[in-house]
Amino acid sequence: MARDPRRLDRLTARWRERHETRVAEARAAGAPRPLAQAERESLAAAAFPFRSMSAMEYVAQHGESMIGFTYDDERYRDAELQAWIDEVGALLRTRRGGS
C-alpha cells in the first residue's frame, strides 16, 4: 500500500488552520495570552537569535521549515524577545497568506 506523500502537509495545514482560528477567536474575545512558563521563555531566549538577527532575516532563512510556530501564543517577560517573537509570527502568517 503506497503512502500519500502529501498527507503530512495536509494534516499540518488543517492543524494550523484550526490553531489559528482558536487563537484569533480568543484574541477577538479579549482573552489575554497566557504568560510563558520560565522554561519556555528560557528555551525561546536560547533558541532564537533575537538580539543579533532581525525577525525578517530569520524568517527569510528558516521560515520554510517553521510550519508549527506557536511561540507567539504566549507572553514573555523580556520585552525585546516578545517583540521579536510577535514579528516572526506575523511574518510567518503573512508568508502563508494568513492575517
PDB file of N, CA and C in Angstrom:
ATOM      1  N   MET A   1       0.838  -1.167   0.000  1.00  0.00           N
ATOM      2  CA  MET A   1       0.000   0.000   0.000  1.00  0.00           C
ATOM      3  C   MET A   1       0.894   1.246   0.000  1.00  0.00           C
ATOM      4  N   ALA A   2       0.696   2.109  -0.973  1.00  0.00           N
ATOM      5  CA  ALA A   2       1.505   3.321  -1.112  1.00  0.00           C
ATOM      6  C   ALA A   2       0.988   4.409  -0.177  1.00  0.00           C
ATOM      7  N   ARG A   3       1.910   5.126   0.420  1.00  0.00           N
ATOM      8  CA  ARG A   3       1.539   6.250   1.289  1.00  0.00           C
ATOM      9  C   ARG A   3       1.452   7.520   0.464  1.00  0.00           C
ATOM     10  N   ASP A   4       0.517   8.351   0.843  1.00  0.00           N
ATOM     11  CA  ASP A   4       0.354   9.641   0.171  1.00  0.00           C
ATOM     12  C   ASP A   4       1.421  10.591   0.718  1.00  0.00           C
ATOM     13  N   PRO A   5       2.375  11.012  -0.101  1.00  0.00           N
ATOM     14  CA  PRO A   5       3.456  11.874   0.389  1.00  0.00           C
ATOM     15  C   PRO A   5       2.978  13.254   0.827  1.00  0.00           C
ATOM     16  N   ARG A   6       1.783  13.655   0.451  1.00  0.00           N
ATOM     17  CA  ARG A   6       1.276  14.984   0.830  1.00  0.00           C
ATOM     18  C   ARG A   6       0.399  14.932   2.067  1.00  0.00           C
ATOM     19  N   ARG A   7       0.189  13.753   2.613  1.00  0.00           N
ATOM     20  CA  ARG A   7      -0.712  13.609   3.774  1.00  0.00           C
ATOM     21  C   ARG A   7      -0.259  14.468   4.950  1.00  0.00           C
ATOM     22  N   LEU A   8       1.020  14.427   5.271  1.00  0.00           N
ATOM     23  CA  LEU A   8       1.525  15.218   6.389  1.00  0.00           C
ATOM     24  C   LEU A   8       1.311  16.705   6.140  1.00  0.00           C
ATOM     25  N   ASP A   9       1.544  17.155   4.926  1.00  0.00           N
ATOM     26  CA  ASP A   9       1.315  18.565   4.595  1.00  0.00           C
ATOM     27  C   ASP A   9      -0.146  18.945   4.803  1.00  0.00           C
ATOM     28  N   ARG A  10      -1.055  18.079   4.390  1.00  0.00           N
ATOM     29  CA  ARG A  10      -2.493  18.366   4.563  1.00  0.00           C
ATOM     30  C   ARG A  10      -2.885  18.376   6.030  1.00  0.00           C
ATOM     31  N   LEU A  11      -2.378  17.406   6.781  1.00  0.00           N
ATOM     32  CA  LEU A  11      -2.676  17.360   8.214  1.00  0.00           C
ATOM     33  C   LEU A  11      -2.109  18.584   8.934  1.00  0.00           C
ATOM     34  N   THR A  12      -0.899  18.974   8.583  1.00  0.00           N
ATOM     35  CA  THR A  12      -0.287  20.160   9.184  1.00  0.00           C
ATOM     36  C   THR A  12      -1.086  21.403   8.851  1.00  0.00           C
ATOM     37  N   ALA A  13      -1.502  21.542   7.607  1.00  0.00           N
ATOM     38  CA  ALA A  13      -2.301  22.705   7.205  1.00  0.00           C
ATOM     39  C   ALA A  13      -3.624  22.740   7.954  1.00  0.00           C
ATOM     40  N   ARG A  14      -4.244  21.586   8.137  1.00  0.00           N
ATOM     41  CA  ARG A  14      -5.513  21.523   8.866  1.00  0.00           C
ATOM     42  C   ARG A  14      -5.307  21.892  10.332  1.00  0.00           C
ATOM     43  N   TRP A  15      -4.241  21.363  10.960  1.00  0.00           N
ATOM     44  CA  TRP A  15      -3.935  21.716  12.345  1.00  0.00           C
ATOM     45  C   TRP A  15      -3.694  23.213  12.476  1.00  0.00           C
ATOM     46  N   ARG A  16      -2.879  23.770  11.556  1.00  0.00           N
ATOM     47  CA  ARG A  16      -2.535  25.190  11.626  1.00  0.00           C
ATOM     48  C   ARG A  16      -3.784  26.058  11.480  1.00  0.00           C
ATOM     49  N   GLU A  17      -4.676  25.693  10.568  1.00  0.00           N
ATOM     50  CA  GLU A  17      -5.900  26.458  10.368  1.00  0.00           C
ATOM     51  C   GLU A  17      -6.754  26.451  11.637  1.00  0.00           C
ATOM     52  N   ARG A  18      -6.909  25.292  12.239  1.00  0.00           N
ATOM     53  CA  ARG A  18      -7.688  25.191  13.476  1.00  0.00           C
ATOM     54  C   ARG A  18      -7.025  25.979  14.605  1.00  0.00           C
ATOM     55  N   HIS A  19      -5.732  25.857  14.716  1.00  0.00           N
ATOM     56  CA  HIS A  19      -4.992  26.570  15.754  1.00  0.00           C
ATOM     57  C   HIS A  19      -5.137  28.077  15.576  1.00  0.00           C
ATOM     58  N   GLU A  20      -4.904  28.550  14.361  1.00  0.00           N
ATOM     59  CA  GLU A  20      -5.003  29.996  14.087  1.00  0.00           C
ATOM     60  C   GLU A  20      -6.420  30.508  14.359  1.00  0.00           C
ATOM     61  N   THR A  21      -7.426  29.710  14.056  1.00  0.00           N
ATOM     62  CA  THR A  21      -8.811  30.105  14.324  1.00  0.00           C
ATOM     63  C   THR A  21      -9.041  30.239  15.825  1.00  0.00           C
ATOM     64  N   ARG A  22      -8.582  29.261  16.600  1.00  0.00           N
ATOM     65  CA  ARG A  22      -8.743  29.324  18.064  1.00  0.00           C
ATOM     66  C   ARG A  22      -8.039  30.537  18.648  1.00  0.00           C
ATOM     67  N   VAL A  23      -6.823  30.803  18.198  1.00  0.00           N
ATOM     68  CA  VAL A  23      -6.060  31.945  18.699  1.00  0.00           C
ATOM     69  C   VAL A  23      -6.754  33.248  18.322  1.00  0.00           C
ATOM     70  N   ALA A  24      -7.191  33.370  17.083  1.00  0.00           N
ATOM     71  CA  ALA A  24      -7.871  34.592  16.637  1.00  0.00           C
ATOM     72  C   ALA A  24      -9.159  34.822  17.410  1.00  0.00           C
ATOM     73  N   GLU A  25      -9.915  33.764  17.668  1.00  0.00           N
ATOM     74  CA  GLU A  25     -11.157  33.893  18.427  1.00  0.00           C
ATOM     75  C   GLU A  25     -10.882  34.337  19.855  1.00  0.00           C
ATOM     76  N   ALA A  26      -9.855  33.784  20.466  1.00  0.00           N
ATOM     77  CA  ALA A  26      -9.505  34.172  21.842  1.00  0.00           C
ATOM     78  C   ALA A  26      -9.077  35.631  21.895  1.00  0.00           C
ATOM     79  N   ARG A  27      -8.271  36.059  20.925  1.00  0.00           N
ATOM     80  CA  ARG A  27      -7.822  37.456  20.897  1.00  0.00           C
ATOM     81  C   ARG A  27      -8.984  38.401  20.616  1.00  0.00           C
ATOM     82  N   ALA A  28      -9.889  38.003  19.724  1.00  0.00           N
ATOM     83  CA  ALA A  28     -11.058  38.831  19.423  1.00  0.00           C
ATOM     84  C   ALA A  28     -11.960  38.964  20.644  1.00  0.00           C
ATOM     85  N   ALA A  29     -11.998  37.937  21.474  1.00  0.00           N
ATOM     86  CA  ALA A  29     -12.813  37.969  22.684  1.00  0.00           C
ATOM     87  C   ALA A  29     -12.126  38.737  23.813  1.00  0.00           C
ATOM     88  N   GLY A  30     -10.902  39.199  23.555  1.00  0.00           N
ATOM     89  CA  GLY A  30     -10.171  39.968  24.555  1.00  0.00           C
ATOM     90  C   GLY A  30      -9.429  39.130  25.575  1.00  0.00           C
ATOM     91  N   ALA A  31      -9.314  37.842  25.323  1.00  0.00           N
ATOM     92  CA  ALA A  31      -8.589  36.970  26.253  1.00  0.00           C
ATOM     93  C   ALA A  31      -7.091  37.263  26.153  1.00  0.00           C
ATOM     94  N   PRO A  32      -6.455  37.524  27.277  1.00  0.00           N
ATOM     95  CA  PRO A  32      -5.013  37.783  27.224  1.00  0.00           C
ATOM     96  C   PRO A  32      -4.247  36.496  26.930  1.00  0.00           C
ATOM     97  N   ARG A  33      -3.127  36.642  26.288  1.00  0.00           N
ATOM     98  CA  ARG A  33      -2.271  35.481  26.071  1.00  0.00           C
ATOM     99  C   ARG A  33      -1.726  35.031  27.420  1.00  0.00           C
ATOM    100  N   PRO A  34      -1.616  33.725  27.620  1.00  0.00           N
ATOM    101  CA  PRO A  34      -1.047  33.265  28.890  1.00  0.00           C
ATOM    102  C   PRO A  34       0.437  33.622  28.972  1.00  0.00           C
ATOM    103  N   LEU A  35       0.908  33.798  30.183  1.00  0.00           N
ATOM    104  CA  LEU A  35       2.320  34.078  30.405  1.00  0.00           C
ATOM    105  C   LEU A  35       3.106  32.790  30.212  1.00  0.00           C
ATOM    106  N   ALA A  36       4.162  32.864  29.434  1.00  0.00           N
ATOM    107  CA  ALA A  36       5.002  31.684  29.186  1.00  0.00           C
ATOM    108  C   ALA A  36       5.651  31.225  30.483  1.00  0.00           C
ATOM    109  N   GLN A  37       5.728  29.934  30.648  1.00  0.00           N
ATOM    110  CA  GLN A  37       6.447  29.398  31.797  1.00  0.00           C
ATOM    111  C   GLN A  37       7.924  29.740  31.643  1.00  0.00           C
ATOM    112  N   ALA A  38       8.615  29.807  32.761  1.00  0.00           N
ATOM    113  CA  ALA A  38      10.029  30.192  32.763  1.00  0.00           C
ATOM    114  C   ALA A  38      10.862  29.300  31.842  1.00  0.00           C
ATOM    115  N   GLU A  39      10.562  28.005  31.829  1.00  0.00           N
ATOM    116  CA  GLU A  39      11.328  27.076  30.991  1.00  0.00           C
ATOM    117  C   GLU A  39      11.151  27.401  29.508  1.00  0.00           C
ATOM    118  N   ARG A  40       9.920  27.723  29.121  1.00  0.00           N
ATOM    119  CA  ARG A  40       9.663  28.044  27.711  1.00  0.00           C
ATOM    120  C   ARG A  40      10.337  29.361  27.334  1.00  0.00           C
ATOM    121  N   GLU A  41      10.285  30.328  28.223  1.00  0.00           N
ATOM    122  CA  GLU A  41      10.943  31.596  27.936  1.00  0.00           C
ATOM    123  C   GLU A  41      12.452  31.421  27.825  1.00  0.00           C
ATOM    124  N   SER A  42      13.028  30.609  28.692  1.00  0.00           N
ATOM    125  CA  SER A  42      14.473  30.331  28.609  1.00  0.00           C
ATOM    126  C   SER A  42      14.820  29.635  27.303  1.00  0.00           C
ATOM    127  N   LEU A  43      13.995  28.685  26.908  1.00  0.00           N
ATOM    128  CA  LEU A  43      14.222  27.978  25.648  1.00  0.00           C
ATOM    129  C   LEU A  43      14.141  28.941  24.468  1.00  0.00           C
ATOM    130  N   ALA A  44      13.133  29.795  24.461  1.00  0.00           N
ATOM    131  CA  ALA A  44      12.974  30.768  23.369  1.00  0.00           C
ATOM    132  C   ALA A  44      14.163  31.717  23.326  1.00  0.00           C
ATOM    133  N   ALA A  45      14.588  32.206  24.481  1.00  0.00           N
ATOM    134  CA  ALA A  45      15.713  33.143  24.531  1.00  0.00           C
ATOM    135  C   ALA A  45      17.010  32.494  24.052  1.00  0.00           C
ATOM    136  N   ALA A  46      17.174  31.207  24.333  1.00  0.00           N
ATOM    137  CA  ALA A  46      18.382  30.497  23.907  1.00  0.00           C
ATOM    138  C   ALA A  46      18.315  30.068  22.447  1.00  0.00           C
ATOM    139  N   ALA A  47      17.123  29.742  21.965  1.00  0.00           N
ATOM    140  CA  ALA A  47      16.989  29.179  20.617  1.00  0.00           C
ATOM    141  C   ALA A  47      16.927  30.228  19.517  1.00  0.00           C
ATOM    142  N   PHE A  48      16.374  31.382  19.822  1.00  0.00           N
ATOM    143  CA  PHE A  48      16.175  32.396  18.789  1.00  0.00           C
ATOM    144  C   PHE A  48      17.205  33.521  18.914  1.00  0.00           C
ATOM    145  N   PRO A  49      17.789  33.935  17.796  1.00  0.00           N
ATOM    146  CA  PRO A  49      18.814  34.985  17.821  1.00  0.00           C
ATOM    147  C   PRO A  49      18.194  36.391  17.811  1.00  0.00           C
ATOM    148  N   PHE A  50      17.310  36.650  18.755  1.00  0.00           N
ATOM    149  CA  PHE A  50      16.551  37.900  18.735  1.00  0.00           C
ATOM    150  C   PHE A  50      17.398  39.134  19.013  1.00  0.00           C
ATOM    151  N   ARG A  51      18.569  38.960  19.580  1.00  0.00           N
ATOM    152  CA  ARG A  51      19.445  40.108  19.840  1.00  0.00           C
ATOM    153  C   ARG A  51      20.406  40.394  18.683  1.00  0.00           C
ATOM    154  N   SER A  52      20.580  39.417  17.794  1.00  0.00           N
ATOM    155  CA  SER A  52      21.584  39.579  16.741  1.00  0.00           C
ATOM    156  C   SER A  52      21.047  39.496  15.320  1.00  0.00           C
ATOM    157  N   MET A  53      19.780  39.131  15.148  1.00  0.00           N
ATOM    158  CA  MET A  53      19.210  38.979  13.809  1.00  0.00           C
ATOM    159  C   MET A  53      17.779  39.502  13.821  1.00  0.00           C
ATOM    160  N   SER A  54      17.430  40.200  12.788  1.00  0.00           N
ATOM    161  CA  SER A  54      16.054  40.697  12.719  1.00  0.00           C
ATOM    162  C   SER A  54      15.099  39.530  12.469  1.00  0.00           C
ATOM    163  N   ALA A  55      13.873  39.735  12.870  1.00  0.00           N
ATOM    164  CA  ALA A  55      12.852  38.716  12.632  1.00  0.00           C
ATOM    165  C   ALA A  55      12.714  38.448  11.138  1.00  0.00           C
ATOM    166  N   MET A  56      12.801  39.486  10.338  1.00  0.00           N
ATOM    167  CA  MET A  56      12.673  39.324   8.890  1.00  0.00           C
ATOM    168  C   MET A  56      13.796  38.454   8.328  1.00  0.00           C
ATOM    169  N   GLU A  57      15.017  38.693   8.776  1.00  0.00           N
ATOM    170  CA  GLU A  57      16.145  37.870   8.328  1.00  0.00           C
ATOM    171  C   GLU A  57      15.955  36.408   8.751  1.00  0.00           C
ATOM    172  N   TYR A  58      15.516  36.220   9.978  1.00  0.00           N
ATOM    173  CA  TYR A  58      15.334  34.867  10.495  1.00  0.00           C
ATOM    174  C   TYR A  58      14.277  34.111   9.695  1.00  0.00           C
ATOM    175  N   VAL A  59      13.163  34.765   9.436  1.00  0.00           N
ATOM    176  CA  VAL A  59      12.095  34.118   8.665  1.00  0.00           C
ATOM    177  C   VAL A  59      12.553  33.857   7.230  1.00  0.00           C
ATOM    178  N   ALA A  60      13.323  34.763   6.666  1.00  0.00           N
ATOM    179  CA  ALA A  60      13.839  34.542   5.311  1.00  0.00           C
ATOM    180  C   ALA A  60      14.715  33.291   5.270  1.00  0.00           C
ATOM    181  N   GLN A  61      15.492  33.064   6.307  1.00  0.00           N
ATOM    182  CA  GLN A  61      16.399  31.917   6.335  1.00  0.00           C
ATOM    183  C   GLN A  61      15.721  30.616   6.774  1.00  0.00           C
ATOM    184  N   HIS A  62      14.754  30.707   7.691  1.00  0.00           N
ATOM    185  CA  HIS A  62      14.212  29.499   8.316  1.00  0.00           C
ATOM    186  C   HIS A  62      12.707  29.327   8.156  1.00  0.00           C
ATOM    187  N   GLY A  63      12.038  30.277   7.571  1.00  0.00           N
ATOM    188  CA  GLY A  63      10.581  30.257   7.502  1.00  0.00           C
ATOM    189  C   GLY A  63       9.983  29.029   6.862  1.00  0.00           C
ATOM    190  N   GLU A  64      10.628  28.489   5.851  1.00  0.00           N
ATOM    191  CA  GLU A  64      10.098  27.305   5.164  1.00  0.00           C
ATOM    192  C   GLU A  64       9.952  26.114   6.096  1.00  0.00           C
ATOM    193  N   SER A  65      10.823  26.008   7.080  1.00  0.00           N
ATOM    194  CA  SER A  65      10.782  24.858   7.982  1.00  0.00           C
ATOM    195  C   SER A  65      10.004  25.143   9.270  1.00  0.00           C
ATOM    196  N   MET A  66       9.466  26.346   9.408  1.00  0.00           N
ATOM    197  CA  MET A  66       8.746  26.722  10.629  1.00  0.00           C
ATOM    198  C   MET A  66       7.245  26.531  10.412  1.00  0.00           C
ATOM    199  N   ILE A  67       6.831  25.289  10.316  1.00  0.00           N
ATOM    200  CA  ILE A  67       5.441  25.000   9.949  1.00  0.00           C
ATOM    201  C   ILE A  67       4.480  25.027  11.122  1.00  0.00           C
ATOM    202  N   GLY A  68       4.993  24.922  12.343  1.00  0.00           N
ATOM    203  CA  GLY A  68       4.105  24.889  13.503  1.00  0.00           C
ATOM    204  C   GLY A  68       4.519  25.883  14.574  1.00  0.00           C
ATOM    205  N   PHE A  69       4.868  27.092  14.185  1.00  0.00           N
ATOM    206  CA  PHE A  69       5.335  28.114  15.122  1.00  0.00           C
ATOM    207  C   PHE A  69       4.212  28.521  16.069  1.00  0.00           C
ATOM    208  N   THR A  70       4.425  28.321  17.375  1.00  0.00           N
ATOM    209  CA  THR A  70       3.413  28.681  18.374  1.00  0.00           C
ATOM    210  C   THR A  70       3.978  29.570  19.478  1.00  0.00           C
ATOM    211  N   TYR A  71       5.210  30.000  19.335  1.00  0.00           N
ATOM    212  CA  TYR A  71       5.806  30.814  20.396  1.00  0.00           C
ATOM    213  C   TYR A  71       5.057  32.121  20.616  1.00  0.00           C
ATOM    214  N   ASP A  72       4.388  32.632  19.594  1.00  0.00           N
ATOM    215  CA  ASP A  72       3.666  33.890  19.774  1.00  0.00           C
ATOM    216  C   ASP A  72       2.287  33.697  20.398  1.00  0.00           C
ATOM    217  N   ASP A  73       1.976  32.495  20.844  1.00  0.00           N
ATOM    218  CA  ASP A  73       0.726  32.240  21.570  1.00  0.00           C
ATOM    219  C   ASP A  73       0.817  32.715  23.017  1.00  0.00           C
ATOM    220  N   GLU A  74       2.016  32.968  23.491  1.00  0.00           N
ATOM    221  CA  GLU A  74       2.213  33.306  24.894  1.00  0.00           C
ATOM    222  C   GLU A  74       2.894  34.665  25.043  1.00  0.00           C
ATOM    223  N   ARG A  75       2.875  35.173  26.268  1.00  0.00           N
ATOM    224  CA  ARG A  75       3.539  36.437  26.596  1.00  0.00           C
ATOM    225  C   ARG A  75       4.865  36.123  27.286  1.00  0.00           C
ATOM    226  N   TYR A  76       5.839  37.001  27.068  1.00  0.00           N
ATOM    227  CA  TYR A  76       7.165  36.826  27.656  1.00  0.00           C
ATOM    228  C   TYR A  76       7.523  38.045  28.499  1.00  0.00           C
ATOM    229  N   ARG A  77       8.274  37.809  29.545  1.00  0.00           N
ATOM    230  CA  ARG A  77       8.682  38.899  30.432  1.00  0.00           C
ATOM    231  C   ARG A  77       9.675  39.828  29.743  1.00  0.00           C
ATOM    232  N   ASP A  78      10.509  39.280  28.881  1.00  0.00           N
ATOM    233  CA  ASP A  78      11.514  40.056  28.154  1.00  0.00           C
ATOM    234  C   ASP A  78      10.837  40.756  26.976  1.00  0.00           C
ATOM    235  N   ALA A  79      10.719  42.074  27.044  1.00  0.00           N
ATOM    236  CA  ALA A  79      10.005  42.847  26.018  1.00  0.00           C
ATOM    237  C   ALA A  79      10.655  42.726  24.644  1.00  0.00           C
ATOM    238  N   GLU A  80      11.977  42.667  24.595  1.00  0.00           N
ATOM    239  CA  GLU A  80      12.677  42.539  23.310  1.00  0.00           C
ATOM    240  C   GLU A  80      12.385  41.176  22.669  1.00  0.00           C
ATOM    241  N   LEU A  81      12.428  40.123  23.466  1.00  0.00           N
ATOM    242  CA  LEU A  81      12.084  38.781  22.983  1.00  0.00           C
ATOM    243  C   LEU A  81      10.635  38.753  22.522  1.00  0.00           C
ATOM    244  N   GLN A  82       9.742  39.345  23.302  1.00  0.00           N
ATOM    245  CA  GLN A  82       8.317  39.371  22.958  1.00  0.00           C
ATOM    246  C   GLN A  82       8.092  40.035  21.602  1.00  0.00           C
ATOM    247  N   ALA A  83       8.688  41.198  21.399  1.00  0.00           N
ATOM    248  CA  ALA A  83       8.505  41.923  20.138  1.00  0.00           C
ATOM    249  C   ALA A  83       9.043  41.114  18.962  1.00  0.00           C
ATOM    250  N   TRP A  84      10.185  40.485  19.136  1.00  0.00           N
ATOM    251  CA  TRP A  84      10.804  39.701  18.064  1.00  0.00           C
ATOM    252  C   TRP A  84       9.935  38.497  17.716  1.00  0.00           C
ATOM    253  N   ILE A  85       9.474  37.782  18.735  1.00  0.00           N
ATOM    254  CA  ILE A  85       8.626  36.605  18.509  1.00  0.00           C
ATOM    255  C   ILE A  85       7.311  37.007  17.843  1.00  0.00           C
ATOM    256  N   ASP A  86       6.715  38.103  18.299  1.00  0.00           N
ATOM    257  CA  ASP A  86       5.466  38.566  17.678  1.00  0.00           C
ATOM    258  C   ASP A  86       5.682  38.900  16.204  1.00  0.00           C
ATOM    259  N   GLU A  87       6.815  39.523  15.896  1.00  0.00           N
ATOM    260  CA  GLU A  87       7.098  39.855  14.497  1.00  0.00           C
ATOM    261  C   GLU A  87       7.327  38.594  13.665  1.00  0.00           C
ATOM    262  N   VAL A  88       8.035  37.628  14.206  1.00  0.00           N
ATOM    263  CA  VAL A  88       8.244  36.360  13.493  1.00  0.00           C
ATOM    264  C   VAL A  88       6.892  35.717  13.192  1.00  0.00           C
ATOM    265  N   GLY A  89       6.031  35.649  14.183  1.00  0.00           N
ATOM    266  CA  GLY A  89       4.711  35.057  13.974  1.00  0.00           C
ATOM    267  C   GLY A  89       3.925  35.769  12.896  1.00  0.00           C
ATOM    268  N   ALA A  90       3.935  37.104  12.938  1.00  0.00           N
ATOM    269  CA  ALA A  90       3.213  37.881  11.923  1.00  0.00           C
ATOM    270  C   ALA A  90       3.800  37.640  10.533  1.00  0.00           C
ATOM    271  N   LEU A  91       5.108  37.600  10.431  1.00  0.00           N
ATOM    272  CA  LEU A  91       5.753  37.355   9.137  1.00  0.00           C
ATOM    273  C   LEU A  91       5.423  35.964   8.600  1.00  0.00           C
ATOM    274  N   LEU A  92       5.417  34.984   9.478  1.00  0.00           N
ATOM    275  CA  LEU A  92       5.085  33.621   9.035  1.00  0.00           C
ATOM    276  C   LEU A  92       3.647  33.537   8.541  1.00  0.00           C
ATOM    277  N   ARG A  93       2.729  34.175   9.260  1.00  0.00           N
ATOM    278  CA  ARG A  93       1.336  34.157   8.807  1.00  0.00           C
ATOM    279  C   ARG A  93       1.181  34.897   7.469  1.00  0.00           C
ATOM    280  N   THR A  94       1.878  35.998   7.301  1.00  0.00           N
ATOM    281  CA  THR A  94       1.837  36.733   6.033  1.00  0.00           C
ATOM    282  C   THR A  94       2.388  35.871   4.912  1.00  0.00           C
ATOM    283  N   ARG A  95       3.471  35.170   5.166  1.00  0.00           N
ATOM    284  CA  ARG A  95       4.070  34.260   4.181  1.00  0.00           C
ATOM    285  C   ARG A  95       3.106  33.204   3.717  1.00  0.00           C
ATOM    286  N   ARG A  96       2.299  32.710   4.665  1.00  0.00           N
ATOM    287  CA  ARG A  96       1.335  31.662   4.346  1.00  0.00           C
ATOM    288  C   ARG A  96       0.046  32.226   3.768  1.00  0.00           C
ATOM    289  N   GLY A  97      -0.057  33.550   3.710  1.00  0.00           N
ATOM    290  CA  GLY A  97      -1.262  34.156   3.172  1.00  0.00           C
ATOM    291  C   GLY A  97      -2.336  34.372   4.209  1.00  0.00           C
ATOM    292  N   GLY A  98      -1.972  34.266   5.483  1.00  0.00           N
ATOM    293  CA  GLY A  98      -2.931  34.494   6.573  1.00  0.00           C
ATOM    294  C   GLY A  98      -2.918  35.933   6.999  1.00  0.00           C
ATOM    295  N   SER A  99      -3.627  36.222   8.097  1.00  0.00           N
ATOM    296  CA  SER A  99      -3.685  37.594   8.591  1.00  0.00           C
ATOM    297  C   SER A  99      -2.711  37.836   9.703  1.00  0.00           C
TER     298      SER A  99
END
